[in-house]
């Protein structure tokens, strides 16, 4: 692998910046399953590979543990965690709880300009579906959009602790998507579900907003459980 310093990350930069970039690189490799489940993350090897000291790696691994993407085994090392049915269902239950909770609070803080921003986000995402096939669809760009869409709604609730917790839950969804054989089809369906969510929030209808989010989440659950049934733990 190319060292991070050769990609513009220099050891002379502040450690916090290095830690963030190491975290983002490792997280992306885990989410896309380029680092597969049960892979051992050797700190010394990563330090040599990335061209950074041990400390930014340790800090990045601490954050990844918090997101339940890696686990440290006493006197053995740190490993990439598989995504199994139990973990997945716990993640969905937590998301459902948060999305139900934020609906009235987000609506309370929602301004007309926020609705316009959400609709602009939808319009940008819609461009990803123009004249594409399963092979040419930019799925990574859609995942980034999908994450931003949901986080925008949660941020509007005004509770930073809830936002941070919700952010950590998105990791497992992205892992499941890495296995999807229906990325374009499911993403189109998901985009339509997002439009209905925005319509419900724009109408300031709490029950409708909760129902739109619930249906969207259930569609995602069925798709990901099918993947686990097909592949086992992801």
C-alpha atoms as a PDB file:
ATOM      1  CA  UNK A   1       0.000   0.000   0.000  1.00  0.00           C
ATOM      2  CA  UNK A   2       1.040   3.570  -0.587  1.00  0.00           C
ATOM      3  CA  UNK A   3       2.067   5.319   2.611  1.00  0.00           C
ATOM      4  CA  UNK A   4      -0.196   8.085   3.812  1.00  0.00           C
ATOM      5  CA  UNK A   5       2.660  10.539   3.673  1.00  0.00           C
ATOM      6  CA  UNK A   6       2.919   9.865  -0.055  1.00  0.00           C
ATOM      7  CA  UNK A   7      -0.747  10.806  -0.349  1.00  0.00           C
ATOM      8  CA  UNK A   8      -0.202  14.202   1.239  1.00  0.00           C
ATOM      9  CA  UNK A   9      -0.420  13.160   4.894  1.00  0.00           C
ATOM     10  CA  UNK A  10       2.880  14.240   6.421  1.00  0.00           C
ATOM     11  CA  UNK A  11       4.084  13.166   9.867  1.00  0.00           C
ATOM     12  CA  UNK A  12       4.793  16.818  10.664  1.00  0.00           C
ATOM     13  CA  UNK A  13       1.084  17.608  10.690  1.00  0.00           C
ATOM     14  CA  UNK A  14      -0.839  17.792  13.982  1.00  0.00           C
ATOM     15  CA  UNK A  15      -1.541  14.379  15.472  1.00  0.00           C
ATOM     16  CA  UNK A  16      -5.289  15.005  15.597  1.00  0.00           C
ATOM     17  CA  UNK A  17      -5.295  15.512  11.836  1.00  0.00           C
ATOM     18  CA  UNK A  18      -3.293  12.332  11.293  1.00  0.00           C
ATOM     19  CA  UNK A  19      -5.591  10.378  13.571  1.00  0.00           C
ATOM     20  CA  UNK A  20      -8.650  11.553  11.623  1.00  0.00           C
ATOM     21  CA  UNK A  21      -7.143  10.575   8.295  1.00  0.00           C
ATOM     22  CA  UNK A  22      -5.963   7.182   9.545  1.00  0.00           C
ATOM     23  CA  UNK A  23      -9.441   6.603  10.977  1.00  0.00           C
ATOM     24  CA  UNK A  24     -11.146   7.531   7.693  1.00  0.00           C
ATOM     25  CA  UNK A  25      -8.832   5.290   5.677  1.00  0.00           C
ATOM     26  CA  UNK A  26      -9.261   2.252   7.924  1.00  0.00           C
ATOM     27  CA  UNK A  27     -12.995   2.829   8.278  1.00  0.00           C
ATOM     28  CA  UNK A  28     -13.466   2.990   4.505  1.00  0.00           C
ATOM     29  CA  UNK A  29     -11.479  -0.214   4.011  1.00  0.00           C
ATOM     30  CA  UNK A  30     -13.584  -1.971   6.656  1.00  0.00           C
ATOM     31  CA  UNK A  31     -16.918  -0.683   5.343  1.00  0.00           C
ATOM     32  CA  UNK A  32     -16.077  -1.721   1.793  1.00  0.00           C
ATOM     33  CA  UNK A  33     -14.755  -5.036   3.121  1.00  0.00           C
ATOM     34  CA  UNK A  34     -11.313  -4.552   1.624  1.00  0.00           C
ATOM     35  CA  UNK A  35     -10.361  -5.404   5.199  1.00  0.00           C
ATOM     36  CA  UNK A  36     -12.391  -8.572   5.671  1.00  0.00           C
ATOM     37  CA  UNK A  37     -13.975  -9.895   8.894  1.00  0.00           C
ATOM     38  CA  UNK A  38     -11.507 -11.406  11.359  1.00  0.00           C
ATOM     39  CA  UNK A  39      -8.566  -9.580   9.741  1.00  0.00           C
ATOM     40  CA  UNK A  40      -5.996  -8.747  12.399  1.00  0.00           C
ATOM     41  CA  UNK A  41      -5.057  -5.069  12.524  1.00  0.00           C
ATOM     42  CA  UNK A  42      -1.436  -5.149  13.573  1.00  0.00           C
ATOM     43  CA  UNK A  43      -0.460  -1.739  14.921  1.00  0.00           C
ATOM     44  CA  UNK A  44       3.225  -2.019  14.019  1.00  0.00           C
ATOM     45  CA  UNK A  45       2.452  -3.191  10.494  1.00  0.00           C
ATOM     46  CA  UNK A  46      -0.080  -0.396  10.013  1.00  0.00           C
ATOM     47  CA  UNK A  47       2.417   2.137  11.329  1.00  0.00           C
ATOM     48  CA  UNK A  48       4.973   1.021   8.750  1.00  0.00           C
ATOM     49  CA  UNK A  49       2.418   0.800   5.938  1.00  0.00           C
ATOM     50  CA  UNK A  50       0.832   4.191   6.562  1.00  0.00           C
ATOM     51  CA  UNK A  51       4.009   6.030   7.473  1.00  0.00           C
ATOM     52  CA  UNK A  52       2.704   7.316  10.818  1.00  0.00           C
ATOM     53  CA  UNK A  53       3.495   6.693  14.471  1.00  0.00           C
ATOM     54  CA  UNK A  54       1.536   4.251  16.616  1.00  0.00           C
ATOM     55  CA  UNK A  55      -0.485   6.924  18.427  1.00  0.00           C
ATOM     56  CA  UNK A  56      -2.732   8.042  15.500  1.00  0.00           C
ATOM     57  CA  UNK A  57      -3.432   4.377  14.781  1.00  0.00           C
ATOM     58  CA  UNK A  58      -4.343   3.658  18.398  1.00  0.00           C
ATOM     59  CA  UNK A  59      -6.642   6.676  18.438  1.00  0.00           C
ATOM     60  CA  UNK A  60      -8.282   5.586  15.175  1.00  0.00           C
ATOM     61  CA  UNK A  61      -8.780   2.030  16.480  1.00  0.00           C
ATOM     62  CA  UNK A  62     -10.436   3.393  19.633  1.00  0.00           C
ATOM     63  CA  UNK A  63     -12.999   5.183  17.488  1.00  0.00           C
ATOM     64  CA  UNK A  64     -13.561   2.073  15.371  1.00  0.00           C
ATOM     65  CA  UNK A  65     -14.164   0.030  18.531  1.00  0.00           C
ATOM     66  CA  UNK A  66     -16.802   2.540  19.599  1.00  0.00           C
ATOM     67  CA  UNK A  67     -18.556   1.974  16.254  1.00  0.00           C
ATOM     68  CA  UNK A  68     -18.333  -1.796  16.784  1.00  0.00           C
ATOM     69  CA  UNK A  69     -16.302  -2.199  13.618  1.00  0.00           C
ATOM     70  CA  UNK A  70     -13.317  -3.759  15.373  1.00  0.00           C
ATOM     71  CA  UNK A  71     -12.763  -5.617  18.618  1.00  0.00           C
ATOM     72  CA  UNK A  72      -9.697  -6.018  20.816  1.00  0.00           C
ATOM     73  CA  UNK A  73      -9.057  -9.517  22.127  1.00  0.00           C
ATOM     74  CA  UNK A  74      -7.008  -9.602  25.302  1.00  0.00           C
ATOM     75  CA  UNK A  75      -3.351 -10.470  24.593  1.00  0.00           C
ATOM     76  CA  UNK A  76      -4.227 -11.412  21.026  1.00  0.00           C
ATOM     77  CA  UNK A  77      -4.826  -8.215  19.065  1.00  0.00           C
ATOM     78  CA  UNK A  78      -7.447  -6.115  17.297  1.00  0.00           C
ATOM     79  CA  UNK A  79      -9.670  -7.679  14.638  1.00  0.00           C
ATOM     80  CA  UNK A  80     -12.308  -6.572  12.133  1.00  0.00           C
ATOM     81  CA  UNK A  81     -15.729  -7.602  13.447  1.00  0.00           C
ATOM     82  CA  UNK A  82     -18.157  -9.537  11.238  1.00  0.00           C
ATOM     83  CA  UNK A  83     -21.686  -8.211  10.855  1.00  0.00           C
ATOM     84  CA  UNK A  84     -24.118 -10.906  11.987  1.00  0.00           C
ATOM     85  CA  UNK A  85     -27.906 -10.998  12.276  1.00  0.00           C
ATOM     86  CA  UNK A  86     -27.922 -10.068  15.975  1.00  0.00           C
ATOM     87  CA  UNK A  87     -25.725  -7.009  15.486  1.00  0.00           C
ATOM     88  CA  UNK A  88     -27.744  -5.966  12.477  1.00  0.00           C
ATOM     89  CA  UNK A  89     -31.095  -6.204  14.240  1.00  0.00           C
ATOM     90  CA  UNK A  90     -29.742  -4.297  17.243  1.00  0.00           C
ATOM     91  CA  UNK A  91     -28.581  -1.583  14.861  1.00  0.00           C
ATOM     92  CA  UNK A  92     -31.970  -1.336  13.177  1.00  0.00           C
ATOM     93  CA  UNK A  93     -33.806  -1.260  16.501  1.00  0.00           C
ATOM     94  CA  UNK A  94     -31.571   1.586  17.676  1.00  0.00           C
ATOM     95  CA  UNK A  95     -32.138   3.484  14.423  1.00  0.00           C
ATOM     96  CA  UNK A  96     -35.892   3.014  14.691  1.00  0.00           C
ATOM     97  CA  UNK A  97     -35.869   4.311  18.258  1.00  0.00           C
ATOM     98  CA  UNK A  98     -33.890   7.415  17.289  1.00  0.00           C
ATOM     99  CA  UNK A  99     -35.922   8.151  14.160  1.00  0.00           C
ATOM    100  CA  UNK A 100     -39.177   7.914  16.114  1.00  0.00           C
ATOM    101  CA  UNK A 101     -37.733  10.169  18.815  1.00  0.00           C
ATOM    102  CA  UNK A 102     -36.376  12.855  16.504  1.00  0.00           C
ATOM    103  CA  UNK A 103     -39.483  13.256  14.336  1.00  0.00           C
ATOM    104  CA  UNK A 104     -41.373  15.761  16.545  1.00  0.00           C
ATOM    105  CA  UNK A 105     -38.158  17.523  17.556  1.00  0.00           C
ATOM    106  CA  UNK A 106     -36.892  17.883  14.015  1.00  0.00           C
ATOM    107  CA  UNK A 107     -40.298  19.173  12.930  1.00  0.00           C
ATOM    108  CA  UNK A 108     -40.230  21.670  15.797  1.00  0.00           C
ATOM    109  CA  UNK A 109     -36.899  23.075  14.560  1.00  0.00           C
ATOM    110  CA  UNK A 110     -37.615  22.677  10.841  1.00  0.00           C
ATOM    111  CA  UNK A 111     -37.527  25.882   8.793  1.00  0.00           C
ATOM    112  CA  UNK A 112     -38.712  26.339   5.236  1.00  0.00           C
ATOM    113  CA  UNK A 113     -35.074  26.811   4.230  1.00  0.00           C
ATOM    114  CA  UNK A 114     -34.249  23.395   5.719  1.00  0.00           C
ATOM    115  CA  UNK A 115     -36.946  21.802   3.566  1.00  0.00           C
ATOM    116  CA  UNK A 116     -35.482  23.515   0.510  1.00  0.00           C
ATOM    117  CA  UNK A 117     -32.033  22.188   1.424  1.00  0.00           C
ATOM    118  CA  UNK A 118     -33.418  18.650   1.757  1.00  0.00           C
ATOM    119  CA  UNK A 119     -35.153  18.894  -1.595  1.00  0.00           C
ATOM    120  CA  UNK A 120     -31.936  20.212  -3.176  1.00  0.00           C
ATOM    121  CA  UNK A 121     -30.128  17.197  -1.742  1.00  0.00           C
ATOM    122  CA  UNK A 122     -32.760  14.941  -3.305  1.00  0.00           C
ATOM    123  CA  UNK A 123     -32.315  16.648  -6.660  1.00  0.00           C
ATOM    124  CA  UNK A 124     -28.547  16.170  -6.570  1.00  0.00           C
ATOM    125  CA  UNK A 125     -28.973  12.519  -5.680  1.00  0.00           C
ATOM    126  CA  UNK A 126     -31.461  12.038  -8.515  1.00  0.00           C
ATOM    127  CA  UNK A 127     -28.714  12.909 -10.996  1.00  0.00           C
ATOM    128  CA  UNK A 128     -26.902   9.717  -9.975  1.00  0.00           C
ATOM    129  CA  UNK A 129     -29.680   7.669 -11.589  1.00  0.00           C
ATOM    130  CA  UNK A 130     -29.598   9.360 -14.995  1.00  0.00           C
ATOM    131  CA  UNK A 131     -28.436   7.128 -17.865  1.00  0.00           C
ATOM    132  CA  UNK A 132     -26.694   4.546 -15.664  1.00  0.00           C
ATOM    133  CA  UNK A 133     -26.562   0.770 -15.467  1.00  0.00           C
ATOM    134  CA  UNK A 134     -25.694  -1.558 -12.599  1.00  0.00           C
ATOM    135  CA  UNK A 135     -22.079  -1.396 -13.799  1.00  0.00           C
ATOM    136  CA  UNK A 136     -21.814   2.400 -14.147  1.00  0.00           C
ATOM    137  CA  UNK A 137     -23.915   3.465 -11.141  1.00  0.00           C
ATOM    138  CA  UNK A 138     -21.781   5.456  -8.679  1.00  0.00           C
ATOM    139  CA  UNK A 139     -22.820   3.547  -5.587  1.00  0.00           C
ATOM    140  CA  UNK A 140     -20.217   5.110  -3.317  1.00  0.00           C
ATOM    141  CA  UNK A 141     -21.567   8.582  -4.144  1.00  0.00           C
ATOM    142  CA  UNK A 142     -25.097   7.383  -3.385  1.00  0.00           C
ATOM    143  CA  UNK A 143     -24.040   5.952  -0.007  1.00  0.00           C
ATOM    144  CA  UNK A 144     -22.496   9.319   0.869  1.00  0.00           C
ATOM    145  CA  UNK A 145     -25.703  11.069  -0.146  1.00  0.00           C
ATOM    146  CA  UNK A 146     -27.856   8.592   1.793  1.00  0.00           C
ATOM    147  CA  UNK A 147     -25.778   9.102   4.922  1.00  0.00           C
ATOM    148  CA  UNK A 148     -25.958  12.894   4.609  1.00  0.00           C
ATOM    149  CA  UNK A 149     -29.718  12.793   4.041  1.00  0.00           C
ATOM    150  CA  UNK A 150     -30.474  10.916   7.237  1.00  0.00           C
ATOM    151  CA  UNK A 151     -27.916  12.811   9.296  1.00  0.00           C
ATOM    152  CA  UNK A 152     -29.397  16.127   8.148  1.00  0.00           C
ATOM    153  CA  UNK A 153     -32.782  15.143   9.562  1.00  0.00           C
ATOM    154  CA  UNK A 154     -31.239  13.934  12.821  1.00  0.00           C
ATOM    155  CA  UNK A 155     -29.055  17.034  13.224  1.00  0.00           C
ATOM    156  CA  UNK A 156     -32.164  19.183  13.100  1.00  0.00           C
ATOM    157  CA  UNK A 157     -33.358  17.627  16.373  1.00  0.00           C
ATOM    158  CA  UNK A 158     -30.731  19.768  18.117  1.00  0.00           C
ATOM    159  CA  UNK A 159     -29.232  17.014  20.306  1.00  0.00           C
ATOM    160  CA  UNK A 160     -25.541  16.421  19.577  1.00  0.00           C
ATOM    161  CA  UNK A 161     -25.355  13.217  21.662  1.00  0.00           C
ATOM    162  CA  UNK A 162     -28.163  11.676  19.601  1.00  0.00           C
ATOM    163  CA  UNK A 163     -26.465  12.797  16.386  1.00  0.00           C
ATOM    164  CA  UNK A 164     -23.183  11.158  17.399  1.00  0.00           C
ATOM    165  CA  UNK A 165     -24.898   7.907  18.344  1.00  0.00           C
ATOM    166  CA  UNK A 166     -26.900   7.829  15.124  1.00  0.00           C
ATOM    167  CA  UNK A 167     -23.751   8.468  13.085  1.00  0.00           C
ATOM    168  CA  UNK A 168     -22.106   5.377  14.561  1.00  0.00           C
ATOM    169  CA  UNK A 169     -25.087   3.227  13.545  1.00  0.00           C
ATOM    170  CA  UNK A 170     -24.665   3.974   9.837  1.00  0.00           C
ATOM    171  CA  UNK A 171     -21.469   1.926   9.636  1.00  0.00           C
ATOM    172  CA  UNK A 172     -23.210  -1.441   9.675  1.00  0.00           C
ATOM    173  CA  UNK A 173     -25.610  -0.395   6.942  1.00  0.00           C
ATOM    174  CA  UNK A 174     -22.705   0.544   4.702  1.00  0.00           C
ATOM    175  CA  UNK A 175     -21.080  -2.848   5.258  1.00  0.00           C
ATOM    176  CA  UNK A 176     -24.242  -4.611   4.162  1.00  0.00           C
ATOM    177  CA  UNK A 177     -24.445  -2.434   1.063  1.00  0.00           C
ATOM    178  CA  UNK A 178     -20.964  -3.559   0.036  1.00  0.00           C
ATOM    179  CA  UNK A 179     -22.482  -6.985  -0.607  1.00  0.00           C
ATOM    180  CA  UNK A 180     -25.571  -5.819  -2.434  1.00  0.00           C
ATOM    181  CA  UNK A 181     -26.203  -7.267  -5.873  1.00  0.00           C
ATOM    182  CA  UNK A 182     -29.143  -4.876  -6.419  1.00  0.00           C
ATOM    183  CA  UNK A 183     -27.403  -1.589  -5.669  1.00  0.00           C
ATOM    184  CA  UNK A 184     -29.036   0.432  -8.448  1.00  0.00           C
ATOM    185  CA  UNK A 185     -32.545  -0.990  -8.002  1.00  0.00           C
ATOM    186  CA  UNK A 186     -32.578  -0.683  -4.219  1.00  0.00           C
ATOM    187  CA  UNK A 187     -31.035   2.792  -4.365  1.00  0.00           C
ATOM    188  CA  UNK A 188     -33.779   3.978  -6.725  1.00  0.00           C
ATOM    189  CA  UNK A 189     -36.398   2.590  -4.353  1.00  0.00           C
ATOM    190  CA  UNK A 190     -34.642   4.210  -1.408  1.00  0.00           C
ATOM    191  CA  UNK A 191     -34.568   7.558  -3.184  1.00  0.00           C
ATOM    192  CA  UNK A 192     -38.332   7.432  -3.630  1.00  0.00           C
ATOM    193  CA  UNK A 193     -38.698   6.617   0.056  1.00  0.00           C
ATOM    194  CA  UNK A 194     -36.531   9.616   0.895  1.00  0.00           C
ATOM    195  CA  UNK A 195     -38.846  11.830  -1.144  1.00  0.00           C
ATOM    196  CA  UNK A 196     -41.833  10.618   0.877  1.00  0.00           C
ATOM    197  CA  UNK A 197     -39.932  11.259   4.117  1.00  0.00           C
ATOM    198  CA  UNK A 198     -39.212  14.844   3.075  1.00  0.00           C
ATOM    199  CA  UNK A 199     -42.851  15.360   2.077  1.00  0.00           C
ATOM    200  CA  UNK A 200     -43.962  14.197   5.529  1.00  0.00           C
ATOM    201  CA  UNK A 201     -41.537  16.465   7.364  1.00  0.00           C
ATOM    202  CA  UNK A 202     -42.424  19.385   5.083  1.00  0.00           C
ATOM    203  CA  UNK A 203     -46.082  18.853   6.017  1.00  0.00           C
ATOM    204  CA  UNK A 204     -45.038  18.971   9.713  1.00  0.00           C
ATOM    205  CA  UNK A 205     -46.925  15.699  10.219  1.00  0.00           C
ATOM    206  CA  UNK A 206     -45.224  13.714  12.998  1.00  0.00           C
ATOM    207  CA  UNK A 207     -47.187  10.491  12.475  1.00  0.00           C
ATOM    208  CA  UNK A 208     -46.630  10.566   8.730  1.00  0.00           C
ATOM    209  CA  UNK A 209     -42.916  11.300   9.191  1.00  0.00           C
ATOM    210  CA  UNK A 210     -42.530   8.369  11.578  1.00  0.00           C
ATOM    211  CA  UNK A 211     -44.415   6.061   9.218  1.00  0.00           C
ATOM    212  CA  UNK A 212     -42.349   7.111   6.189  1.00  0.00           C
ATOM    213  CA  UNK A 213     -39.126   6.510   8.110  1.00  0.00           C
ATOM    214  CA  UNK A 214     -40.412   3.157   9.409  1.00  0.00           C
ATOM    215  CA  UNK A 215     -41.273   1.904   5.924  1.00  0.00           C
ATOM    216  CA  UNK A 216     -37.884   3.017   4.615  1.00  0.00           C
ATOM    217  CA  UNK A 217     -36.086   1.238   7.438  1.00  0.00           C
ATOM    218  CA  UNK A 218     -38.097  -1.953   7.001  1.00  0.00           C
ATOM    219  CA  UNK A 219     -37.269  -2.049   3.290  1.00  0.00           C
ATOM    220  CA  UNK A 220     -33.595  -1.790   4.198  1.00  0.00           C
ATOM    221  CA  UNK A 221     -33.927  -4.500   6.858  1.00  0.00           C
ATOM    222  CA  UNK A 222     -35.436  -7.020   4.446  1.00  0.00           C
ATOM    223  CA  UNK A 223     -32.694  -6.415   1.903  1.00  0.00           C
ATOM    224  CA  UNK A 224     -29.846  -6.759   4.353  1.00  0.00           C
ATOM    225  CA  UNK A 225     -31.275  -9.845   6.075  1.00  0.00           C
ATOM    226  CA  UNK A 226     -31.496 -11.485   2.654  1.00  0.00           C
ATOM    227  CA  UNK A 227     -27.786 -10.805   2.227  1.00  0.00           C
ATOM    228  CA  UNK A 228     -26.980 -12.369   5.604  1.00  0.00           C
ATOM    229  CA  UNK A 229     -29.088 -15.401   4.682  1.00  0.00           C
ATOM    230  CA  UNK A 230     -27.090 -15.667   1.473  1.00  0.00           C
ATOM    231  CA  UNK A 231     -23.584 -15.011   2.762  1.00  0.00           C
ATOM    232  CA  UNK A 232     -23.786 -15.652   6.498  1.00  0.00           C
ATOM    233  CA  UNK A 233     -22.080 -13.026   8.654  1.00  0.00           C
ATOM    234  CA  UNK A 234     -20.872 -10.153   6.470  1.00  0.00           C
END
